[in-house]
């Protein structure tokens, strides 16, 4: 046994003793932190202001950290964990943003838990919270049913149902549908896919949220194809098309950070399809988010919000963390494709492409990033470990 193996065995022995003595308490703490993160997301989507967000994040981080201390890992898993902990700590020291550290601890803390049960919990709690906000807005208690504003093509009135913005409404619906499809696709009949697709069309009519509608429609159609295509070669071709689409989206993100639509007509035409998402990068004095603002590790001045998700990832955390995450993402997609994990591939690939245009997953809110749960479920498998 090598020295590293002995160290890992000692760490696992200590974690085992902690787990045996405090298993119920640590599990309860994890669930308390997890549910708190979900509630924070619902409050953020509402018209309420949460002045205790920072303090709550510290408490949830401690809940996840205590659970992590009781987890046992293989040597390879512990190596990956240490690598991401170091990377996220360096990013935190440079940028002052702690999301990567919180994400790492959160995902690692649940690798031996029933992750699918946690996904069902996320689906139920988030859907219930959104429905409560919908009802409160319809009854006039909290939030607005419709929002009138200039969305880039003149003043319009669009549906938001208490979630603050039409894009937020359609985005939350899309993510919940993708999570639902992952969990229950094997029980769905063709008419259920048709019903979901029709519901997406109705929601699009009232929200005019093109990106959310595309994400939901893409997830529904891709999952339906994966469930009903007979040949593995056809499924493999679809998976490769999604990987190519993501790669093209990343190229677009890079071009958006380099070329100002005001001076490049071809980018202006693309930006018009993106409803001004590229132009928003170039509207500020110092062009935050564009290539000139990128750093190997980001700094504390990089705090602006904009829609392009992968550009925001680079801008907020730096080039090095973004490259590591993207490398990990493509390796993960390849693993899922090769091992016929089609439902996981659909959710991961669709949300990754969606992140090109919307930064829903690139945020401080762990409770809305379903891919962290998916990572806890599949990364040990991708690392070659049995579960």
Protein backbone atom coordinates (compact mmCIF):
# COMPACT_ATOMS: atom_id res chain seq x y z
CA UNK A 1 0.00 0.00 0.00
CA UNK A 2 1.41 3.38 -1.01
CA UNK A 3 1.70 6.34 1.34
CA UNK A 4 -1.20 8.12 -0.35
CA UNK A 5 -3.34 5.01 -0.03
CA UNK A 6 -2.51 4.78 3.68
CA UNK A 7 -3.42 8.45 4.18
CA UNK A 8 -6.68 7.94 2.33
CA UNK A 9 -7.45 4.82 4.37
CA UNK A 10 -6.82 6.77 7.58
CA UNK A 11 -9.11 9.58 6.42
CA UNK A 12 -11.83 7.07 5.56
CA UNK A 13 -11.47 5.35 8.93
CA UNK A 14 -11.89 8.69 10.71
CA UNK A 15 -14.86 9.59 8.48
CA UNK A 16 -16.41 6.19 9.23
CA UNK A 17 -16.21 6.79 12.98
CA UNK A 18 -17.78 10.24 12.58
CA UNK A 19 -20.52 8.80 10.39
CA UNK A 20 -21.36 5.96 12.79
CA UNK A 21 -21.63 8.33 15.75
CA UNK A 22 -23.37 11.27 14.11
CA UNK A 23 -25.01 9.85 10.98
CA UNK A 24 -28.56 10.96 11.71
CA UNK A 25 -27.50 14.41 12.88
CA UNK A 26 -25.26 15.02 9.86
CA UNK A 27 -27.92 13.79 7.44
CA UNK A 28 -30.49 16.05 9.10
CA UNK A 29 -28.07 18.98 8.85
CA UNK A 30 -27.52 18.29 5.15
CA UNK A 31 -31.25 18.22 4.45
CA UNK A 32 -31.73 21.40 6.49
CA UNK A 33 -29.06 23.13 4.40
CA UNK A 34 -30.46 21.73 1.16
CA UNK A 35 -34.02 22.83 1.91
CA UNK A 36 -32.75 26.24 2.99
CA UNK A 37 -30.99 26.66 -0.36
CA UNK A 38 -34.23 25.78 -2.16
CA UNK A 39 -36.22 28.28 -0.11
CA UNK A 40 -33.62 30.98 -0.82
CA UNK A 41 -34.24 30.44 -4.55
CA UNK A 42 -38.00 30.82 -4.11
CA UNK A 43 -37.57 34.02 -2.09
CA UNK A 44 -35.21 35.38 -4.76
CA UNK A 45 -37.84 34.77 -7.45
CA UNK A 46 -40.51 36.53 -5.41
CA UNK A 47 -41.06 40.22 -4.73
CA UNK A 48 -39.61 39.78 -1.24
CA UNK A 49 -36.16 40.99 -0.21
CA UNK A 50 -34.01 38.58 1.81
CA UNK A 51 -31.57 40.59 3.96
CA UNK A 52 -30.11 37.43 5.50
CA UNK A 53 -28.93 35.72 2.32
CA UNK A 54 -25.22 35.94 3.17
CA UNK A 55 -25.71 34.58 6.69
CA UNK A 56 -27.87 31.75 5.38
CA UNK A 57 -25.19 30.80 2.86
CA UNK A 58 -22.67 30.49 5.67
CA UNK A 59 -25.01 28.23 7.62
CA UNK A 60 -25.78 25.99 4.64
CA UNK A 61 -22.06 25.77 3.81
CA UNK A 62 -21.36 24.53 7.34
CA UNK A 63 -24.18 21.98 7.06
CA UNK A 64 -22.68 20.59 3.85
CA UNK A 65 -19.12 20.74 5.22
CA UNK A 66 -20.03 18.73 8.34
CA UNK A 67 -21.66 16.09 6.13
CA UNK A 68 -18.56 16.04 3.90
CA UNK A 69 -16.36 15.24 6.91
CA UNK A 70 -18.24 11.96 7.35
CA UNK A 71 -17.90 10.88 3.72
CA UNK A 72 -15.53 8.14 2.61
CA UNK A 73 -13.80 8.44 -0.76
CA UNK A 74 -11.55 6.31 -2.93
CA UNK A 75 -8.07 7.65 -3.54
CA UNK A 76 -9.01 8.86 -7.02
CA UNK A 77 -12.16 10.57 -5.78
CA UNK A 78 -10.25 12.28 -2.99
CA UNK A 79 -7.69 13.48 -5.52
CA UNK A 80 -10.42 15.06 -7.65
CA UNK A 81 -11.98 16.60 -4.56
CA UNK A 82 -8.69 18.13 -3.39
CA UNK A 83 -8.03 19.49 -6.88
CA UNK A 84 -11.39 21.25 -7.06
CA UNK A 85 -11.09 22.48 -3.47
CA UNK A 86 -7.73 24.08 -4.23
CA UNK A 87 -9.02 25.55 -7.49
CA UNK A 88 -12.13 26.99 -5.84
CA UNK A 89 -10.15 28.38 -2.89
CA UNK A 90 -7.72 30.16 -5.23
CA UNK A 91 -10.69 31.54 -7.17
CA UNK A 92 -12.30 32.70 -3.93
CA UNK A 93 -9.13 34.48 -2.76
CA UNK A 94 -8.74 36.19 -6.13
CA UNK A 95 -12.34 37.16 -6.87
CA UNK A 96 -14.03 37.17 -3.50
CA UNK A 97 -16.74 34.91 -4.95
CA UNK A 98 -17.28 31.71 -2.97
CA UNK A 99 -19.73 29.92 -5.28
CA UNK A 100 -17.20 27.41 -6.68
CA UNK A 101 -16.15 26.44 -3.17
CA UNK A 102 -19.75 26.06 -2.04
CA UNK A 103 -20.58 24.03 -5.16
CA UNK A 104 -17.62 21.68 -4.58
CA UNK A 105 -18.46 21.03 -0.94
CA UNK A 106 -22.18 20.63 -1.69
CA UNK A 107 -21.67 18.12 -4.52
CA UNK A 108 -19.03 16.13 -2.63
CA UNK A 109 -21.16 15.95 0.51
CA UNK A 110 -23.91 13.95 -1.19
CA UNK A 111 -22.00 11.47 -3.35
CA UNK A 112 -22.98 8.55 -1.06
CA UNK A 113 -26.52 9.76 -0.47
CA UNK A 114 -29.67 8.86 -2.37
CA UNK A 115 -29.19 11.60 -4.95
CA UNK A 116 -32.29 10.74 -6.94
CA UNK A 117 -34.33 11.19 -3.78
CA UNK A 118 -32.73 14.62 -3.39
CA UNK A 119 -33.67 15.39 -6.99
CA UNK A 120 -37.29 14.46 -6.28
CA UNK A 121 -37.16 16.71 -3.23
CA UNK A 122 -35.79 19.57 -5.34
CA UNK A 123 -38.50 19.06 -7.95
CA UNK A 124 -41.31 18.95 -5.39
CA UNK A 125 -40.15 21.86 -3.22
CA UNK A 126 -39.25 24.15 -6.14
CA UNK A 127 -42.46 23.41 -8.03
CA UNK A 128 -44.52 23.95 -4.88
CA UNK A 129 -42.71 27.21 -4.14
CA UNK A 130 -43.30 28.50 -7.67
CA UNK A 131 -46.96 27.53 -7.52
CA UNK A 132 -47.33 29.42 -4.22
CA UNK A 133 -45.83 32.52 -5.87
CA UNK A 134 -48.21 32.04 -8.83
CA UNK A 135 -51.24 31.90 -6.53
CA UNK A 136 -50.07 34.86 -4.43
CA UNK A 137 -49.68 36.97 -7.56
CA UNK A 138 -53.09 35.93 -8.95
CA UNK A 139 -54.75 36.83 -5.66
CA UNK A 140 -52.97 40.16 -5.47
CA UNK A 141 -51.10 39.32 -2.25
CA UNK A 142 -47.51 39.35 -3.55
CA UNK A 143 -45.95 40.01 -6.92
CA UNK A 144 -47.51 40.81 -10.26
CA UNK A 145 -49.23 38.59 -12.81
CA UNK A 146 -48.09 40.61 -15.85
CA UNK A 147 -45.05 42.84 -16.32
CA UNK A 148 -45.11 45.73 -18.76
CA UNK A 149 -41.66 46.79 -19.98
CA UNK A 150 -39.46 47.31 -23.03
CA UNK A 151 -38.02 43.87 -23.77
CA UNK A 152 -35.96 45.02 -26.74
CA UNK A 153 -38.71 45.28 -29.34
CA UNK A 154 -40.90 47.97 -27.80
CA UNK A 155 -43.09 48.11 -24.71
CA UNK A 156 -45.00 44.86 -24.15
CA UNK A 157 -47.01 43.18 -21.42
CA UNK A 158 -45.89 39.65 -20.65
CA UNK A 159 -46.77 36.98 -18.12
CA UNK A 160 -44.54 36.54 -15.06
CA UNK A 161 -46.96 35.06 -12.44
CA UNK A 162 -45.13 36.41 -9.42
CA UNK A 163 -41.66 35.28 -10.50
CA UNK A 164 -40.43 38.80 -11.25
CA UNK A 165 -39.78 38.48 -14.98
CA UNK A 166 -41.22 36.50 -17.92
CA UNK A 167 -37.81 34.95 -18.61
CA UNK A 168 -37.63 33.77 -14.99
CA UNK A 169 -41.03 32.13 -15.29
CA UNK A 170 -40.18 30.24 -18.46
CA UNK A 171 -36.68 29.41 -17.25
CA UNK A 172 -37.92 27.86 -14.00
CA UNK A 173 -40.56 25.93 -15.94
CA UNK A 174 -37.94 24.62 -18.38
CA UNK A 175 -35.56 23.46 -15.65
CA UNK A 176 -38.37 21.75 -13.73
CA UNK A 177 -39.57 19.98 -16.88
CA UNK A 178 -36.02 18.78 -17.66
CA UNK A 179 -35.66 17.47 -14.11
CA UNK A 180 -39.09 15.80 -14.36
CA UNK A 181 -38.10 14.14 -17.64
CA UNK A 182 -34.86 12.86 -16.12
CA UNK A 183 -36.66 11.30 -13.16
CA UNK A 184 -39.80 9.95 -14.84
CA UNK A 185 -39.19 9.68 -18.60
CA UNK A 186 -39.39 5.88 -18.52
CA UNK A 187 -43.00 6.12 -17.29
CA UNK A 188 -44.23 8.62 -19.89
CA UNK A 189 -46.42 7.73 -22.86
CA UNK A 190 -46.16 9.65 -26.15
CA UNK A 191 -49.22 11.77 -25.33
CA UNK A 192 -47.44 13.07 -22.22
CA UNK A 193 -44.59 14.43 -24.37
CA UNK A 194 -47.16 16.04 -26.67
CA UNK A 195 -48.88 17.63 -23.67
CA UNK A 196 -45.60 19.03 -22.33
CA UNK A 197 -44.73 20.38 -25.77
CA UNK A 198 -48.13 22.06 -26.09
CA UNK A 199 -47.78 23.56 -22.63
CA UNK A 200 -44.44 25.00 -23.65
CA UNK A 201 -46.11 26.62 -26.66
CA UNK A 202 -48.82 28.17 -24.49
CA UNK A 203 -46.21 29.50 -22.06
CA UNK A 204 -44.19 30.94 -24.94
CA UNK A 205 -47.28 32.78 -26.19
CA UNK A 206 -47.66 34.57 -22.86
CA UNK A 207 -43.97 35.07 -21.90
CA UNK A 208 -42.32 35.53 -25.32
CA UNK A 209 -39.26 33.93 -23.71
CA UNK A 210 -37.59 32.38 -26.74
CA UNK A 211 -34.55 30.92 -24.98
CA UNK A 212 -36.60 29.27 -22.24
CA UNK A 213 -38.99 27.87 -24.82
CA UNK A 214 -36.12 26.50 -26.93
CA UNK A 215 -34.55 24.83 -23.91
CA UNK A 216 -37.81 23.18 -22.89
CA UNK A 217 -38.71 22.15 -26.43
CA UNK A 218 -35.21 20.81 -27.05
CA UNK A 219 -35.29 18.76 -23.85
CA UNK A 220 -38.73 17.32 -24.59
CA UNK A 221 -37.94 16.40 -28.20
CA UNK A 222 -34.48 15.01 -27.40
CA UNK A 223 -35.73 12.88 -24.50
CA UNK A 224 -38.64 11.60 -26.60
CA UNK A 225 -36.20 10.64 -29.34
CA UNK A 226 -33.91 8.88 -26.88
CA UNK A 227 -36.83 6.93 -25.46
CA UNK A 228 -38.32 5.82 -28.78
CA UNK A 229 -35.39 5.41 -31.17
CA UNK A 230 -34.49 1.75 -31.55
CA UNK A 231 -30.92 2.00 -32.82
CA UNK A 232 -28.05 3.02 -30.56
CA UNK A 233 -26.29 4.52 -33.57
CA UNK A 234 -29.11 7.04 -34.00
CA UNK A 235 -28.98 7.98 -30.32
CA UNK A 236 -25.22 8.33 -30.51
CA UNK A 237 -25.57 10.64 -33.52
CA UNK A 238 -28.00 12.86 -31.61
CA UNK A 239 -25.61 13.01 -28.66
CA UNK A 240 -22.73 14.02 -30.91
CA UNK A 241 -24.92 16.72 -32.47
CA UNK A 242 -25.60 18.15 -29.02
CA UNK A 243 -21.88 18.14 -28.19
CA UNK A 244 -21.19 19.94 -31.48
CA UNK A 245 -23.96 22.43 -30.75
CA UNK A 246 -22.43 23.18 -27.35
CA UNK A 247 -19.00 23.64 -28.94
CA UNK A 248 -20.49 26.08 -31.47
CA UNK A 249 -22.21 27.89 -28.63
CA UNK A 250 -18.88 28.31 -26.85
CA UNK A 251 -17.34 29.68 -30.04
CA UNK A 252 -20.22 32.14 -30.24
CA UNK A 253 -19.59 33.15 -26.60
CA UNK A 254 -15.95 33.87 -27.41
CA UNK A 255 -16.87 35.89 -30.50
CA UNK A 256 -19.43 37.84 -28.46
CA UNK A 257 -16.66 38.83 -26.06
CA UNK A 258 -14.38 39.97 -28.91
CA UNK A 259 -16.58 41.69 -31.49
CA UNK A 260 -18.71 44.72 -30.68
CA UNK A 261 -22.03 44.52 -32.58
CA UNK A 262 -21.89 48.28 -33.12
CA UNK A 263 -18.91 47.83 -35.48
CA UNK A 264 -19.58 44.39 -36.96
CA UNK A 265 -22.85 43.98 -38.90
CA UNK A 266 -22.68 40.18 -38.86
CA UNK A 267 -22.51 40.20 -35.05
CA UNK A 268 -25.30 42.75 -34.96
CA UNK A 269 -27.50 40.34 -36.91
CA UNK A 270 -26.65 37.54 -34.49
CA UNK A 271 -27.28 39.84 -31.55
CA UNK A 272 -30.73 40.68 -32.87
CA UNK A 273 -31.56 36.97 -32.62
CA UNK A 274 -30.23 37.04 -29.07
CA UNK A 275 -32.45 40.04 -28.21
CA UNK A 276 -29.48 42.25 -27.38
CA UNK A 277 -27.59 39.86 -25.11
CA UNK A 278 -24.28 40.53 -26.85
CA UNK A 279 -24.83 44.28 -26.98
CA UNK A 280 -25.31 44.35 -23.20
CA UNK A 281 -21.67 43.33 -22.81
CA UNK A 282 -20.52 46.40 -24.73
CA UNK A 283 -22.92 49.00 -23.29
CA UNK A 284 -20.90 49.77 -20.17
CA UNK A 285 -17.96 52.14 -19.85
CA UNK A 286 -15.32 49.44 -19.36
CA UNK A 287 -17.00 46.69 -21.42
CA UNK A 288 -17.29 44.26 -18.50
CA UNK A 289 -17.53 40.66 -19.66
CA UNK A 290 -15.66 41.24 -22.91
CA UNK A 291 -12.21 39.83 -23.61
CA UNK A 292 -10.45 42.89 -22.19
CA UNK A 293 -11.97 42.14 -18.76
CA UNK A 294 -10.95 38.46 -18.67
CA UNK A 295 -8.27 37.36 -16.19
CA UNK A 296 -6.60 34.03 -15.45
CA UNK A 297 -8.38 34.29 -12.10
CA UNK A 298 -11.01 36.98 -11.79
CA UNK A 299 -10.78 39.98 -9.45
CA UNK A 300 -13.14 41.60 -6.96
CA UNK A 301 -14.27 44.22 -9.46
CA UNK A 302 -15.80 41.61 -11.77
CA UNK A 303 -19.29 41.70 -10.34
CA UNK A 304 -21.55 42.75 -13.22
CA UNK A 305 -24.56 40.64 -14.22
CA UNK A 306 -25.48 39.77 -17.82
CA UNK A 307 -27.25 36.92 -19.60
CA UNK A 308 -24.53 35.06 -21.53
CA UNK A 309 -23.82 32.25 -19.07
CA UNK A 310 -20.46 30.92 -20.20
CA UNK A 311 -19.12 34.44 -20.67
CA UNK A 312 -20.28 35.23 -17.13
CA UNK A 313 -18.47 32.12 -15.87
CA UNK A 314 -15.17 33.34 -17.33
CA UNK A 315 -15.75 36.92 -16.19
CA UNK A 316 -16.75 36.02 -12.62
CA UNK A 317 -14.21 33.28 -11.89
CA UNK A 318 -11.43 33.53 -14.48
CA UNK A 319 -10.13 31.74 -17.54
CA UNK A 320 -8.42 28.90 -15.65
CA UNK A 321 -11.52 27.80 -13.65
CA UNK A 322 -13.65 28.11 -16.79
CA UNK A 323 -11.28 25.94 -18.85
CA UNK A 324 -11.19 23.29 -16.10
CA UNK A 325 -14.99 23.27 -15.84
CA UNK A 326 -15.45 23.04 -19.61
CA UNK A 327 -12.90 20.24 -19.90
CA UNK A 328 -14.73 18.41 -17.13
CA UNK A 329 -18.06 19.06 -18.85
CA UNK A 330 -17.03 17.55 -22.20
CA UNK A 331 -15.44 14.54 -20.49
CA UNK A 332 -18.66 14.04 -18.56
CA UNK A 333 -20.79 14.28 -21.73
CA UNK A 334 -18.54 11.75 -23.46
CA UNK A 335 -18.86 9.37 -20.51
CA UNK A 336 -22.65 9.63 -20.51
CA UNK A 337 -22.81 9.10 -24.29
CA UNK A 338 -20.55 6.06 -24.25
CA UNK A 339 -22.37 4.46 -21.31
CA UNK A 340 -25.86 5.06 -22.77
CA UNK A 341 -26.91 7.28 -19.87
CA UNK A 342 -29.28 9.07 -22.22
CA UNK A 343 -31.57 10.79 -19.68
CA UNK A 344 -28.59 12.33 -17.87
CA UNK A 345 -27.06 13.30 -21.21
CA UNK A 346 -30.26 15.10 -22.26
CA UNK A 347 -30.44 17.19 -19.10
CA UNK A 348 -26.72 17.98 -19.01
CA UNK A 349 -26.40 18.84 -22.70
CA UNK A 350 -29.60 20.91 -22.96
CA UNK A 351 -28.80 22.96 -19.84
CA UNK A 352 -25.20 23.43 -21.02
CA UNK A 353 -26.39 24.79 -24.38
CA UNK A 354 -28.98 26.91 -22.58
CA UNK A 355 -26.19 28.43 -20.48
CA UNK A 356 -24.73 29.93 -23.66
CA UNK A 357 -27.70 32.34 -23.70
CA UNK A 358 -28.94 32.40 -20.09
CA UNK A 359 -26.92 32.46 -16.86
CA UNK A 360 -29.51 30.63 -14.74
CA UNK A 361 -26.93 28.07 -13.55
CA UNK A 362 -24.05 30.55 -13.19
CA UNK A 363 -25.18 32.18 -9.98
CA UNK A 364 -24.78 32.18 -6.23
CA UNK A 365 -27.92 30.05 -5.82
CA UNK A 366 -26.99 26.38 -5.39
CA UNK A 367 -30.65 25.49 -5.01
CA UNK A 368 -31.39 26.13 -8.68
CA UNK A 369 -28.40 24.26 -10.11
CA UNK A 370 -29.71 20.75 -10.68
CA UNK A 371 -26.46 19.80 -12.43
CA UNK A 372 -24.68 19.76 -9.06
CA UNK A 373 -26.92 16.86 -8.02
CA UNK A 374 -26.35 15.17 -11.36
CA UNK A 375 -22.59 15.53 -10.83
CA UNK A 376 -22.79 13.92 -7.40
CA UNK A 377 -24.58 10.96 -8.98
CA UNK A 378 -22.42 10.41 -12.05
CA UNK A 379 -18.94 11.78 -11.37
CA UNK A 380 -17.88 8.79 -9.21
CA UNK A 381 -19.04 6.53 -12.06
CA UNK A 382 -17.12 8.63 -14.59
CA UNK A 383 -14.05 8.35 -12.37
CA UNK A 384 -14.30 4.59 -12.66
CA UNK A 385 -15.71 3.95 -9.21
CA UNK A 386 -18.60 1.61 -8.49
CA UNK A 387 -21.57 2.97 -6.59
